[in-house]
Each structure stands twice: as C-alpha cells, then as structure tokens.
Protein backbone atom coordinates (compact mmCIF):
# COMPACT_ATOMS: atom_id res chain seq x y z
CA UNK A 1 3.67 41.81 30.33
CA UNK A 2 0.89 43.32 28.22
CA UNK A 3 3.43 44.35 25.61
CA UNK A 4 4.72 40.75 25.45
CA UNK A 5 1.18 39.37 24.94
CA UNK A 6 0.50 42.00 22.27
CA UNK A 7 3.65 41.09 20.39
CA UNK A 8 2.79 37.34 20.57
CA UNK A 9 -0.73 38.07 19.29
CA UNK A 10 0.62 40.14 16.43
CA UNK A 11 3.08 37.34 15.54
CA UNK A 12 0.23 34.80 15.50
CA UNK A 13 -1.86 37.07 13.30
CA UNK A 14 1.15 37.59 11.06
CA UNK A 15 1.67 33.84 10.78
CA UNK A 16 -1.99 33.34 9.94
CA UNK A 17 -1.65 36.00 7.32
CA UNK A 18 1.28 34.15 5.83
CA UNK A 19 -0.73 30.90 5.74
CA UNK A 20 -3.61 32.72 4.10
CA UNK A 21 -1.21 34.26 1.66
CA UNK A 22 0.14 30.79 0.74
CA UNK A 23 -3.41 29.60 0.11
CA UNK A 24 -4.09 32.57 -2.14
CA UNK A 25 -0.92 31.85 -4.10
CA UNK A 26 -1.97 28.21 -4.60
CA UNK A 27 -5.44 29.26 -5.76
CA UNK A 28 -3.92 31.83 -8.12
CA UNK A 29 -1.55 29.22 -9.55
CA UNK A 30 -4.45 26.80 -10.11
CA UNK A 31 -6.46 29.52 -11.84
CA UNK A 32 -3.52 30.46 -14.05
CA UNK A 33 -2.97 26.76 -14.92
CA UNK A 34 -6.65 26.41 -15.91
CA UNK A 35 -6.48 29.60 -17.94
CA UNK A 36 -3.36 28.31 -19.71
CA UNK A 37 -5.28 25.26 -21.01
CA UNK A 38 -6.20 25.45 -24.65
CA UNK A 39 -9.94 25.53 -25.51
CA UNK A 40 -9.94 21.97 -26.84
CA UNK A 41 -8.18 20.73 -23.68
CA UNK A 42 -10.83 22.40 -21.52
CA UNK A 43 -13.55 20.90 -23.72
CA UNK A 44 -12.08 17.40 -23.61
CA UNK A 45 -11.94 17.60 -19.82
CA UNK A 46 -15.73 17.92 -19.81
CA UNK A 47 -16.77 15.82 -22.86
CA UNK A 48 -14.59 12.92 -23.94
CA UNK A 49 -15.01 12.42 -27.68
CA UNK A 50 -12.45 11.40 -30.31
CA UNK A 51 -10.85 14.06 -32.46
CA UNK A 52 -11.42 14.23 -36.18
CA UNK A 53 -8.88 12.49 -38.36
CA UNK A 54 -8.20 15.31 -40.82
CA UNK A 55 -6.10 13.04 -43.02
CA UNK A 56 -8.98 10.61 -43.59
CA UNK A 57 -10.78 12.51 -46.42
CA UNK A 58 -7.66 12.54 -48.60
CA UNK A 59 -7.04 8.84 -47.84
CA UNK A 60 -10.58 8.06 -48.99
CA UNK A 61 -9.77 9.73 -52.31
CA UNK A 62 -6.64 7.57 -52.67
CA UNK A 63 -8.07 4.16 -51.82
CA UNK A 64 -11.01 2.11 -50.61
CA UNK A 65 -11.96 2.00 -46.91
CA UNK A 66 -14.53 0.16 -44.81
CA UNK A 67 -16.38 1.65 -41.87
CA UNK A 68 -19.73 2.89 -40.62
CA UNK A 69 -21.99 5.81 -41.57
CA UNK A 70 -24.25 6.70 -38.65
CA UNK A 71 -27.38 8.86 -38.88
CA UNK A 72 -28.27 10.74 -35.72
CA UNK A 73 -30.35 13.56 -34.29
CA UNK A 74 -29.38 16.94 -35.74
CA UNK A 75 -27.51 19.17 -33.27
CA UNK A 76 -26.82 16.13 -31.10
CA UNK A 77 -23.80 14.97 -33.06
CA UNK A 78 -21.43 15.06 -30.07
CA UNK A 79 -23.72 12.98 -27.88
CA UNK A 80 -24.30 10.60 -30.79
CA UNK A 81 -20.54 10.32 -31.38
CA UNK A 82 -19.96 9.13 -27.81
CA UNK A 83 -22.89 6.74 -28.08
CA UNK A 84 -21.75 5.35 -31.43
CA UNK A 85 -18.17 4.90 -30.22
CA UNK A 86 -19.35 2.87 -27.22
CA UNK A 87 -21.45 0.65 -29.49
CA UNK A 88 -18.82 0.16 -32.16
CA UNK A 89 -15.93 -0.43 -29.75
CA UNK A 90 -17.97 -3.04 -27.90
CA UNK A 91 -19.11 -4.96 -30.97
CA UNK A 92 -15.90 -4.56 -32.95
CA UNK A 93 -14.16 -6.10 -29.95
CA UNK A 94 -16.71 -8.94 -29.79
CA UNK A 95 -16.23 -9.64 -33.49
CA UNK A 96 -12.45 -9.58 -33.07
CA UNK A 97 -12.71 -12.03 -30.18
CA UNK A 98 -14.64 -14.47 -32.37
CA UNK A 99 -12.04 -14.06 -35.09
CA UNK A 100 -9.28 -14.75 -32.57
CA UNK A 101 -11.07 -17.94 -31.50
CA UNK A 102 -10.87 -19.15 -35.10
CA UNK A 103 -7.22 -18.15 -35.15
CA UNK A 104 -6.65 -20.03 -31.89
CA UNK A 105 -8.15 -23.23 -33.31
CA UNK A 106 -5.97 -22.96 -36.40
CA UNK A 107 -2.88 -22.29 -34.28
CA UNK A 108 -3.68 -25.23 -32.03
CA UNK A 109 -3.91 -27.58 -35.01
CA UNK A 110 -0.65 -26.24 -36.38
CA UNK A 111 1.03 -26.61 -33.00
CA UNK A 112 -0.20 -30.19 -32.65
CA UNK A 113 1.39 -31.00 -36.00
CA UNK A 114 4.63 -29.41 -34.86
CA UNK A 115 4.61 -31.54 -31.70
CA UNK A 116 4.44 -34.64 -33.90
CA UNK A 117 7.16 -33.40 -36.21
CA UNK A 118 9.60 -32.31 -33.52
CA UNK A 119 10.58 -35.84 -32.31
CA UNK A 120 11.62 -36.71 -35.84
CA UNK A 121 13.64 -33.53 -36.00
CA UNK A 122 15.29 -34.52 -32.73
CA UNK A 123 16.70 -37.62 -34.41
CA UNK A 124 17.85 -35.68 -37.47
CA UNK A 125 18.98 -32.36 -36.10
CA UNK A 126 19.78 -32.96 -32.45
CA UNK A 127 19.99 -29.58 -30.74
CA UNK A 128 17.71 -27.86 -33.22
CA UNK A 129 15.02 -30.42 -32.55
CA UNK A 130 15.33 -29.91 -28.81
CA UNK A 131 14.82 -26.20 -29.29
CA UNK A 132 11.69 -26.86 -31.31
CA UNK A 133 10.25 -29.07 -28.58
CA UNK A 134 11.09 -26.52 -25.94
CA UNK A 135 9.28 -23.73 -27.78
CA UNK A 136 6.25 -25.93 -28.40
CA UNK A 137 5.96 -26.87 -24.72
CA UNK A 138 6.44 -23.26 -23.73
CA UNK A 139 3.38 -21.97 -25.60
CA UNK A 140 1.12 -25.05 -25.51
CA UNK A 141 -0.60 -27.20 -22.92
CA UNK A 142 -0.29 -30.97 -22.81
CA UNK A 143 -3.32 -31.37 -25.09
CA UNK A 144 -1.65 -29.31 -27.81
CA UNK A 145 -3.81 -26.18 -27.30
CA UNK A 146 -2.46 -22.68 -26.89
CA UNK A 147 -1.82 -21.77 -23.27
CA UNK A 148 -4.33 -19.40 -21.61
CA UNK A 149 -1.81 -16.58 -21.34
CA UNK A 150 -0.96 -16.65 -25.04
CA UNK A 151 -4.61 -17.14 -26.02
CA UNK A 152 -5.92 -14.26 -23.89
CA UNK A 153 -3.09 -12.03 -25.03
CA UNK A 154 -3.93 -12.76 -28.68
CA UNK A 155 -7.63 -12.01 -28.13
CA UNK A 156 -6.89 -8.80 -26.26
CA UNK A 157 -4.47 -7.54 -28.87
CA UNK A 158 -6.86 -8.23 -31.77
CA UNK A 159 -9.84 -6.67 -29.98
CA UNK A 160 -7.86 -3.56 -29.08
CA UNK A 161 -6.50 -3.20 -32.60
CA UNK A 162 -9.93 -3.53 -34.21
CA UNK A 163 -11.69 -0.97 -31.99
CA UNK A 164 -8.86 1.57 -31.81
CA UNK A 165 -8.38 1.55 -35.60
CA UNK A 166 -11.59 3.51 -36.19
CA UNK A 167 -11.13 7.12 -37.33
CA UNK A 168 -13.76 9.85 -36.98
CA UNK A 169 -14.08 11.69 -40.30
CA UNK A 170 -15.43 15.23 -40.54
CA UNK A 171 -18.48 15.69 -42.78
CA UNK A 172 -20.25 18.77 -44.12
CA UNK A 173 -23.76 17.41 -43.51
CA UNK A 174 -25.67 17.60 -40.21
CA UNK A 175 -26.99 14.50 -38.50
CA UNK A 176 -24.25 12.28 -39.94
CA UNK A 177 -21.19 10.58 -38.43
CA UNK A 178 -18.54 8.70 -40.39
CA UNK A 179 -16.11 6.19 -38.89
CA UNK A 180 -13.55 4.45 -41.11
CA UNK A 181 -11.02 1.65 -40.81
CA UNK A 182 -7.54 1.89 -42.39
CA UNK A 183 -8.63 -0.32 -45.33
CA UNK A 184 -11.68 -2.19 -46.64
CA UNK A 185 -10.61 -5.56 -45.22
CA UNK A 186 -10.07 -4.43 -41.62
CA UNK A 187 -13.34 -5.86 -40.29
CA UNK A 188 -16.62 -7.47 -41.35
CA UNK A 189 -18.76 -4.36 -40.93
CA UNK A 190 -21.96 -6.14 -42.00
CA UNK A 191 -21.54 -8.81 -39.29
CA UNK A 192 -20.84 -6.13 -36.67
CA UNK A 193 -24.03 -4.19 -37.52
CA UNK A 194 -25.96 -7.47 -37.66
CA UNK A 195 -24.75 -8.30 -34.14
CA UNK A 196 -25.88 -4.88 -32.90
CA UNK A 197 -29.36 -5.24 -34.43
CA UNK A 198 -29.70 -8.81 -33.08
CA UNK A 199 -28.77 -7.61 -29.57
CA UNK A 200 -31.34 -4.83 -29.80
CA UNK A 201 -34.00 -7.27 -30.95
CA UNK A 202 -33.28 -9.75 -28.15
CA UNK A 203 -33.24 -7.05 -25.47
CA UNK A 204 -29.57 -7.62 -24.57
CA UNK A 205 -28.87 -4.03 -25.67
CA UNK A 206 -30.98 -0.98 -24.86
CA UNK A 207 -32.05 1.28 -27.71
CA UNK A 208 -29.67 4.20 -28.32
CA UNK A 209 -30.88 7.73 -27.60
CA UNK A 210 -29.23 9.66 -30.42
CA UNK A 211 -28.07 7.19 -33.10
CA UNK A 212 -30.80 6.17 -35.56
CA UNK A 213 -29.19 3.87 -38.13
CA UNK A 214 -25.72 2.42 -38.77
CA UNK A 215 -24.88 1.82 -42.42
CA UNK A 216 -22.04 -0.74 -42.69
CA UNK A 217 -19.56 0.38 -45.36
CA UNK A 218 -17.84 -2.47 -47.17
CA UNK A 219 -15.91 -0.30 -49.63
CA UNK A 220 -15.58 3.25 -50.93
CA UNK A 221 -14.81 4.58 -54.39
CA UNK A 222 -14.76 7.74 -56.46
CA UNK A 223 -18.20 8.62 -57.76
CA UNK A 224 -17.58 7.72 -61.39
CA UNK A 225 -19.04 4.96 -63.52
CA UNK A 226 -15.97 2.69 -63.98
CA UNK A 227 -15.04 2.67 -60.27
CA UNK A 228 -18.62 2.20 -59.10
CA UNK A 229 -19.16 -0.69 -61.51
CA UNK A 230 -15.98 -2.43 -60.36
CA UNK A 231 -16.77 -2.12 -56.65
CA UNK A 232 -20.39 -3.29 -57.04
CA UNK A 233 -19.38 -6.33 -59.10
CA UNK A 234 -16.69 -7.30 -56.58
CA UNK A 235 -19.03 -7.02 -53.58
CA UNK A 236 -21.88 -8.89 -55.29
CA UNK A 237 -19.58 -11.76 -56.24
CA UNK A 238 -18.26 -11.87 -52.67
CA UNK A 239 -21.83 -12.02 -51.34
CA UNK A 240 -22.69 -14.91 -53.68
CA UNK A 241 -19.52 -16.77 -52.68
CA UNK A 242 -20.23 -16.39 -48.95
CA UNK A 243 -23.89 -17.47 -49.14
CA UNK A 244 -24.39 -19.71 -52.18
CA UNK A 245 -26.90 -22.11 -50.60
CA UNK A 246 -29.32 -19.42 -49.36
CA UNK A 247 -30.05 -17.91 -52.75
CA UNK A 248 -32.45 -19.27 -55.36
CA UNK A 249 -32.37 -18.36 -59.02
CA UNK A 250 -33.28 -15.91 -60.33
CA UNK A 251 -31.72 -13.78 -57.61
CA UNK A 252 -33.86 -10.80 -56.63
CA UNK A 253 -32.07 -7.52 -55.96
CA UNK A 254 -32.79 -3.87 -55.29
CA UNK A 255 -30.69 -0.68 -55.42
CA UNK A 256 -30.73 2.26 -53.02
CA UNK A 257 -28.98 5.61 -53.43
CA UNK A 258 -28.67 8.50 -50.97
CA UNK A 259 -27.13 11.96 -51.42
CA UNK A 260 -27.32 13.07 -47.80
CA UNK A 261 -25.62 16.36 -46.99
CA UNK A 262 -25.36 17.48 -50.61
CA UNK A 263 -27.74 20.35 -51.29
CA UNK A 264 -29.25 21.05 -54.68
CA UNK A 265 -27.48 24.41 -54.80
CA UNK A 266 -24.13 22.68 -54.31
CA UNK A 267 -24.97 20.24 -57.09
CA UNK A 268 -25.81 23.11 -59.42
CA UNK A 269 -22.59 24.92 -58.51
CA UNK A 270 -20.60 21.74 -59.11
CA UNK A 271 -22.20 21.32 -62.53
CA UNK A 272 -21.21 24.83 -63.51
CA UNK A 273 -17.59 24.28 -62.47
CA UNK A 274 -17.08 20.79 -63.80
CA UNK A 275 -17.74 21.46 -67.51
CA UNK A 276 -19.34 18.10 -68.21
CA UNK A 277 -17.29 15.92 -65.88
CA UNK A 278 -18.28 12.23 -65.83
CA UNK A 279 -18.71 12.46 -62.03
CA UNK A 280 -21.96 14.37 -62.15
CA UNK A 281 -24.28 12.12 -64.19
CA UNK A 282 -24.16 9.56 -61.37
CA UNK A 283 -25.67 12.11 -59.00
CA UNK A 284 -28.91 11.60 -60.91
CA UNK A 285 -30.77 8.76 -59.19
CA UNK A 286 -31.95 7.09 -62.38
CA UNK A 287 -28.45 7.11 -63.86
CA UNK A 288 -26.95 5.69 -60.66
CA UNK A 289 -29.62 2.96 -60.51
CA UNK A 290 -28.90 2.10 -64.13
CA UNK A 291 -25.14 1.76 -63.58
CA UNK A 292 -25.48 -0.31 -60.39
CA UNK A 293 -28.15 -2.60 -61.88
CA UNK A 294 -25.94 -3.22 -64.92
CA UNK A 295 -23.03 -4.12 -62.61
CA UNK A 296 -25.22 -6.61 -60.73
CA UNK A 297 -26.36 -8.14 -64.02
CA UNK A 298 -22.74 -8.47 -65.11
CA UNK A 299 -21.92 -10.34 -61.88
CA UNK A 300 -25.13 -12.46 -61.86
CA UNK A 301 -26.73 -12.95 -65.23
CA UNK A 302 -29.78 -14.70 -63.77
CA UNK A 303 -31.03 -11.82 -61.60
CA UNK A 304 -34.14 -9.63 -61.52
CA UNK A 305 -35.12 -6.38 -59.80
CA UNK A 306 -37.53 -6.81 -56.88
CA UNK A 307 -38.13 -3.70 -54.79
CA UNK A 308 -40.53 -5.35 -52.34
CA UNK A 309 -38.67 -8.50 -51.35
CA UNK A 310 -35.01 -8.33 -52.46
CA UNK A 311 -32.54 -11.02 -51.46
CA UNK A 312 -29.65 -8.68 -52.18
CA UNK A 313 -29.73 -4.92 -51.56
CA UNK A 314 -27.00 -2.76 -53.08
CA UNK A 315 -26.84 0.54 -51.21
CA UNK A 316 -24.79 3.50 -52.39
CA UNK A 317 -24.23 6.46 -50.05
CA UNK A 318 -22.62 9.67 -51.24
CA UNK A 319 -20.28 10.86 -48.48
CA UNK A 320 -20.31 14.65 -47.87
CA UNK A 321 -16.62 14.82 -46.96
CA UNK A 322 -15.10 17.99 -45.60
CA UNK A 323 -11.90 19.56 -46.97
CA UNK A 324 -11.77 17.72 -50.31
CA UNK A 325 -11.11 19.33 -53.70
CA UNK A 326 -14.11 20.68 -55.57
CA UNK A 327 -15.67 17.99 -57.76
CA UNK A 328 -14.10 15.13 -55.79
CA UNK A 329 -16.99 12.90 -54.76
CA UNK A 330 -16.68 9.66 -52.79
CA UNK A 331 -19.35 6.97 -52.47
CA UNK A 332 -19.74 4.26 -49.82
CA UNK A 333 -21.03 0.93 -51.15
CA UNK A 334 -22.41 -2.19 -49.47
CA UNK A 335 -24.26 -5.33 -50.55
CA UNK A 336 -26.60 -6.21 -47.69
CA UNK A 337 -28.63 -9.33 -46.86
CA UNK A 338 -32.39 -9.22 -46.51
CA UNK A 339 -32.41 -9.20 -42.70
CA UNK A 340 -30.52 -5.89 -42.47
CA UNK A 341 -32.77 -3.77 -44.68
CA UNK A 342 -36.29 -2.46 -44.76
CA UNK A 343 -38.13 -1.62 -47.98
CA UNK A 344 -40.88 0.62 -46.59
CA UNK A 345 -41.25 3.50 -47.08
CA UNK A 346 -37.98 3.17 -49.03
CA UNK A 347 -34.97 0.87 -49.21
CA UNK A 348 -32.57 1.54 -46.31
CA UNK A 349 -30.77 -0.06 -43.38
CA UNK A 350 -32.95 -1.09 -40.45
CA UNK A 351 -33.37 1.45 -37.67
CA UNK A 352 -31.68 0.86 -34.32
CA UNK A 353 -34.75 2.03 -32.42
CA UNK A 354 -38.41 1.62 -33.44
CA UNK A 355 -39.21 5.21 -32.52
CA UNK A 356 -36.55 6.62 -34.85
CA UNK A 357 -38.05 9.17 -37.17
CA UNK A 358 -37.73 8.80 -40.91
CA UNK A 359 -36.28 12.27 -41.30
CA UNK A 360 -32.51 12.52 -41.78
CA UNK A 361 -32.00 8.76 -41.97
C-alpha cells in the first residue's frame, strides 16, 4: 500500500516537473526571440519615431522640395522628433481637410452641371445618357452635393496622403530636425505653421516641450547665385500675387540668413577644396544679403529695405545635410508675412513657446 502511494507521489512530482520544464522552455523561447530582434527593432518597440529617409539628401540636390526645419533642444532630438511629428501630422491633416472642402464644393458644382446635361444626353444618346444619370445619382444627393461617404472618403484620403508624405532627413547639426515633402507644391507650409502659431496664441494648443521654432520651407535650391536668385524672385512674385491688396508701395522687405550646423572649420576646409567655386561666396552674409536683395528688387522695383517693420521677410536657411558630396550645399528659402516673424533681437520665425531660449534657434 505504501509502495503504491509512493509511486503515485513520484508520478505527481514527475508530472509537475514536466509542467515546470514546459514553462522553462517557453521562457527560453521568448528570451531567444527577444535576443534575435535587431537593435533598431528593440529600440522602436520602446520609442516610436520615424526612420531617416536616406534618399532625401540626394533628392534635394536634384530638385526643389518644401517642408519644415525645426529647431529643438540639443540632445533631445528624439523627443522633439516625436513632438514635431504629432504637431505636423495634426495640422497637415487639418490643412488637407480644408483643401478637400474646396475640392468638394468644386466637385458639387461640376456634378450639378452634369445633372442638367444628362437629360439632354438621354434624348441624344439613349443608353449612354442613362448611364450618366445613374452614375450621377450614385455619388450625389438630391441637392447635387457629393454624398457623405464619397466626401468623407476624399477628405480622409487627402489628409492621410499629406501627413504621411513627410520624410525625416538626417542632418549633421545638433538641435535641428528637417522634414520634407516629395516636391515644393505638396502643401502650403506657411499656412500650416501659421495655424500652429494661431492655435498656440489662442490656447487651443499647449506649448511644446522640446520644439522651439518651425521654419516653413517653400522651396530649396543649390547654394549658388543663379539658383538662389531664381527661387527668391519666384516666391516673391507668388507672395505679391496672393496678397496684392494688403501691401502698400513702396513694399518694405528684410532678408535673413542662417548657417546653422556649419562650423567655421568646415567652411575653411571647403574653401581649400573648392578652388574658388561660386558656391562659397554666398556663405558670406553680406554677399548673400546682396544677392537676395537684388532678386527682390528685380521682382518688385518699388521696394525698400526695412529691418524693423518689414512687410515681406525673405529667409534663407543653409541645410547641413548628411551624406552629400563635398561642396554640395543646399539652401531652404521662404518669403514670410509679417505675422510669422520677429525682428528682435534678429530676423527669424516666431517661437512656438515664449520661454524658448534664443540659443540654437
């Protein structure tokens, strides 16, 4: 009897040992699976930030792009990247929704015209006209407007496309983040930044912790005199066309130039290697101001420089791109309205938070 109980006890202990062994195997498998994860997969599991688009620097050398240059706290670039992405995705989506509303109105008008035309086509074309009427009724309400399903789908698609099109570009300078769109006409970057600053001013949006300023990039170009002149003239003329009634002659303008992330030693090294290339003179502030001011004068003959109260501010930012050929310099250019800039202590985009320090902006 005792032997039977002993054998049952040993079997139970053996079974428990097997269960314990199964648990150990599962834990070992989980550990091995975690160990098998690549470092960037482990990192992304903890901090969700977008990856760098390593093809973006070369695309900036090939053609113009729009986007945003964000200044942030040094050594807090990852936190600032997450913060900037939340801001930009939200307001790029809001801008896209407004654009889709305009598109909806235009589509509704076009559809209403089609509804009037289709009965005539019914008389002339028979079956083809019936098909036209069927399609019109399928996508429109009785009042000729787009149906809610089609309208919401259009808004969602545009918003998603605008926000997801941003690429994170790697830079050599600290305290800087660069986001670019596929081309310079992808979005109205000035309106997006204006919406962000308005929301901060009204209290609808809390001040960011790590991002200091967002410079809206309208276009990029190689840092040489012909390209810079062409881009500045085009943007100034576009500004005048968009806001002709708000400007009084002579038009007052100011020019700002920043070489963030480009150390003096790098400039000296570039000068030694370039053998008098026409890229380098523009790195001198006075030369850059001279070229930009001449481009503004070419676009608007009746214009004067006013550093204290400019109606138009032309800002040029040298982008410290990573992994580009030596001597290849790219500038970001924007023509900004008065409400987006501050002139003291120097000309620059308005800060997102009042407590933002002037250093590294």
